[in-house]
Structure formats: C-alpha cells, structure tokens
Amino acid sequence: MIKKVYRLKKKYQFNYVYKVGKTVGGKNLVLYYCPSKNKNIKVGISVSKKVGGAVVRNRTKRRIRESISPLLSKLKNNYNIIIVAKPASADATFKTLSGETDYLLKKAKLYMDE
C-alpha cells in the first residue's frame, strides 16, 4: 500500500500533470510525470472502464500499486507521477506490469542515480 503522503488524490492535481507533464508509453501502461513543488514524490493511478469491469480494474490497480511501492525510495523527489493502465493491462501478469513500471521509470529518468 502506498502511504497517503505519496498519493495524488485531487482532480486538479491529476489535471495539472496531464496538462504540463511529459509522457512515456509502453505496451500495458502509460507514465505521465512532471516536476512539483512538494518535497515528496506523489503517485496517482488511473484505470478506465475500457480496461474491464470493476473486479478487473481493482485487480489492475492493486498490481500497479504493489509494483511501484518498493521503488518509491529509489525515485527522485519533487515529482508527480500518474500511471495509466491500457486495456491490455487487464490480461498482463504482475511480473509483466512490474517490469514495465520499472522500464518506464528508467526511460523517464526518474531514478535518483540517473
């Protein structure tokens, strides 16, 4: 579970990242990111109805949440990140989603050592 300190919650926060942020895409996920004024990194997860019914969407959200939570300590601070699930993510395994999350974060250069 991602702590409240690390979550994007409000609609205006999501809209700001969508409007100002940069995008990196993969087969199952899309990553939006932008610099922020907060000293902590904040993460939001978006899964639309195109992915599937409520059960499938919630399972997809749980998998994405669990794939990013161990990486939070390795990421740069002062960033807002939104991970959007594509319809193909409904059939993807946890290992696939975890690997793709890691790949997208590396591609966006959001790790501290880069």
Protein backbone atom coordinates (compact mmCIF):
# COMPACT_ATOMS: atom_id res chain seq x y z
CA MET A 1 0.00 0.00 0.00
CA ILE A 2 1.22 3.47 -0.85
CA LYS A 3 1.20 5.88 2.12
CA LYS A 4 -1.06 8.94 1.92
CA VAL A 5 1.97 11.22 1.76
CA TYR A 6 2.91 9.69 -1.61
CA ARG A 7 -0.55 9.79 -3.26
CA LEU A 8 -2.10 12.17 -5.75
CA LYS A 9 -5.73 12.50 -4.73
CA LYS A 10 -7.40 15.60 -6.11
CA LYS A 11 -8.70 16.07 -9.64
CA TYR A 12 -6.79 19.35 -10.09
CA GLN A 13 -3.53 17.53 -9.29
CA PHE A 14 -4.22 14.94 -11.98
CA ASN A 15 -5.24 17.64 -14.49
CA TYR A 16 -2.04 19.59 -13.81
CA VAL A 17 0.14 16.54 -14.53
CA TYR A 18 -1.83 15.70 -17.68
CA LYS A 19 -1.55 19.30 -18.92
CA VAL A 20 2.06 20.16 -18.01
CA GLY A 21 3.70 16.74 -17.76
CA LYS A 22 5.67 14.60 -20.16
CA THR A 23 4.61 11.15 -21.33
CA VAL A 24 6.36 7.79 -21.65
CA GLY A 25 4.41 4.84 -23.03
CA GLY A 26 4.64 1.08 -23.05
CA LYS A 27 2.53 -1.87 -24.14
CA ASN A 28 0.38 -2.04 -20.98
CA LEU A 29 0.99 1.28 -19.19
CA VAL A 30 1.49 5.00 -19.85
CA LEU A 31 3.50 7.16 -17.44
CA TYR A 32 2.85 10.90 -17.06
CA TYR A 33 5.31 12.89 -14.95
CA CYS A 34 6.18 16.48 -14.13
CA PRO A 35 8.22 18.39 -11.54
CA SER A 36 6.36 19.50 -8.45
CA LYS A 37 6.74 21.94 -5.55
CA ASN A 38 6.26 19.17 -2.97
CA LYS A 39 9.32 17.66 -1.35
CA ASN A 40 7.90 14.14 -1.67
CA ILE A 41 7.19 12.19 -4.82
CA LYS A 42 3.45 11.74 -5.44
CA VAL A 43 1.90 8.89 -7.42
CA GLY A 44 -1.56 8.52 -8.92
CA ILE A 45 -3.04 5.50 -10.68
CA SER A 46 -5.74 5.71 -13.32
CA VAL A 47 -7.62 2.72 -14.74
CA SER A 48 -10.54 3.49 -17.06
CA LYS A 49 -13.61 1.42 -17.81
CA LYS A 50 -12.02 0.39 -21.11
CA VAL A 51 -9.81 -1.99 -19.10
CA GLY A 52 -12.78 -4.03 -17.86
CA GLY A 53 -15.36 -4.35 -15.11
CA ALA A 54 -14.89 -3.28 -11.51
CA VAL A 55 -13.17 -6.51 -10.45
CA VAL A 56 -10.63 -6.32 -13.28
CA ARG A 57 -9.97 -2.61 -12.73
CA ASN A 58 -9.41 -3.06 -9.00
CA ARG A 59 -7.07 -6.01 -9.56
CA THR A 60 -5.10 -3.98 -12.11
CA LYS A 61 -4.84 -1.05 -9.66
CA ARG A 62 -3.63 -3.34 -6.87
CA ARG A 63 -0.96 -4.84 -9.13
CA ILE A 64 0.27 -1.42 -10.26
CA ARG A 65 0.29 -0.15 -6.67
CA GLU A 66 2.34 -3.12 -5.50
CA SER A 67 4.76 -2.81 -8.42
CA ILE A 68 5.59 0.83 -7.67
CA SER A 69 5.58 0.87 -3.84
CA PRO A 70 9.03 -0.77 -3.38
CA LEU A 71 10.51 1.65 -5.94
CA LEU A 72 9.41 4.87 -4.19
CA SER A 73 12.56 5.12 -2.08
CA LYS A 74 14.74 4.94 -5.23
CA LEU A 75 12.91 7.69 -7.14
CA LYS A 76 13.77 11.38 -7.35
CA ASN A 77 11.79 13.67 -5.06
CA ASN A 78 9.79 16.67 -6.26
CA TYR A 79 7.91 14.78 -8.98
CA ASN A 80 4.27 13.95 -9.60
CA ILE A 81 3.67 10.70 -11.46
CA ILE A 82 0.48 9.22 -12.92
CA ILE A 83 0.38 5.65 -14.21
CA VAL A 84 -2.45 4.98 -16.65
CA ALA A 85 -3.42 1.39 -17.46
CA LYS A 86 -4.16 0.47 -21.06
CA PRO A 87 -6.80 -2.19 -21.87
CA ALA A 88 -4.02 -4.75 -22.50
CA SER A 89 -3.01 -4.50 -18.83
CA ALA A 90 -6.11 -6.48 -17.79
CA ASP A 91 -4.55 -9.69 -19.13
CA ALA A 92 -0.99 -8.91 -18.03
CA THR A 93 0.63 -10.73 -15.13
CA PHE A 94 2.05 -8.97 -12.07
CA LYS A 95 5.58 -9.70 -13.26
CA THR A 96 4.86 -8.05 -16.62
CA LEU A 97 3.35 -4.94 -15.03
CA SER A 98 6.18 -4.71 -12.52
CA GLY A 99 8.81 -4.96 -15.24
CA GLU A 100 7.07 -2.39 -17.40
CA THR A 101 6.73 0.04 -14.48
CA ASP A 102 10.46 -0.24 -13.85
CA TYR A 103 11.20 0.20 -17.58
CA LEU A 104 9.04 3.33 -17.86
CA LEU A 105 10.62 4.92 -14.77
CA LYS A 106 14.10 4.27 -16.22
CA LYS A 107 13.03 5.65 -19.60
CA ALA A 108 11.73 8.83 -17.90
CA LYS A 109 15.00 9.07 -15.89
CA LEU A 110 13.20 9.30 -12.55
CA TYR A 111 15.64 7.16 -10.56
CA MET A 112 18.00 9.01 -8.20
CA ASP A 113 21.24 7.66 -9.66
CA GLU A 114 20.48 8.89 -13.19
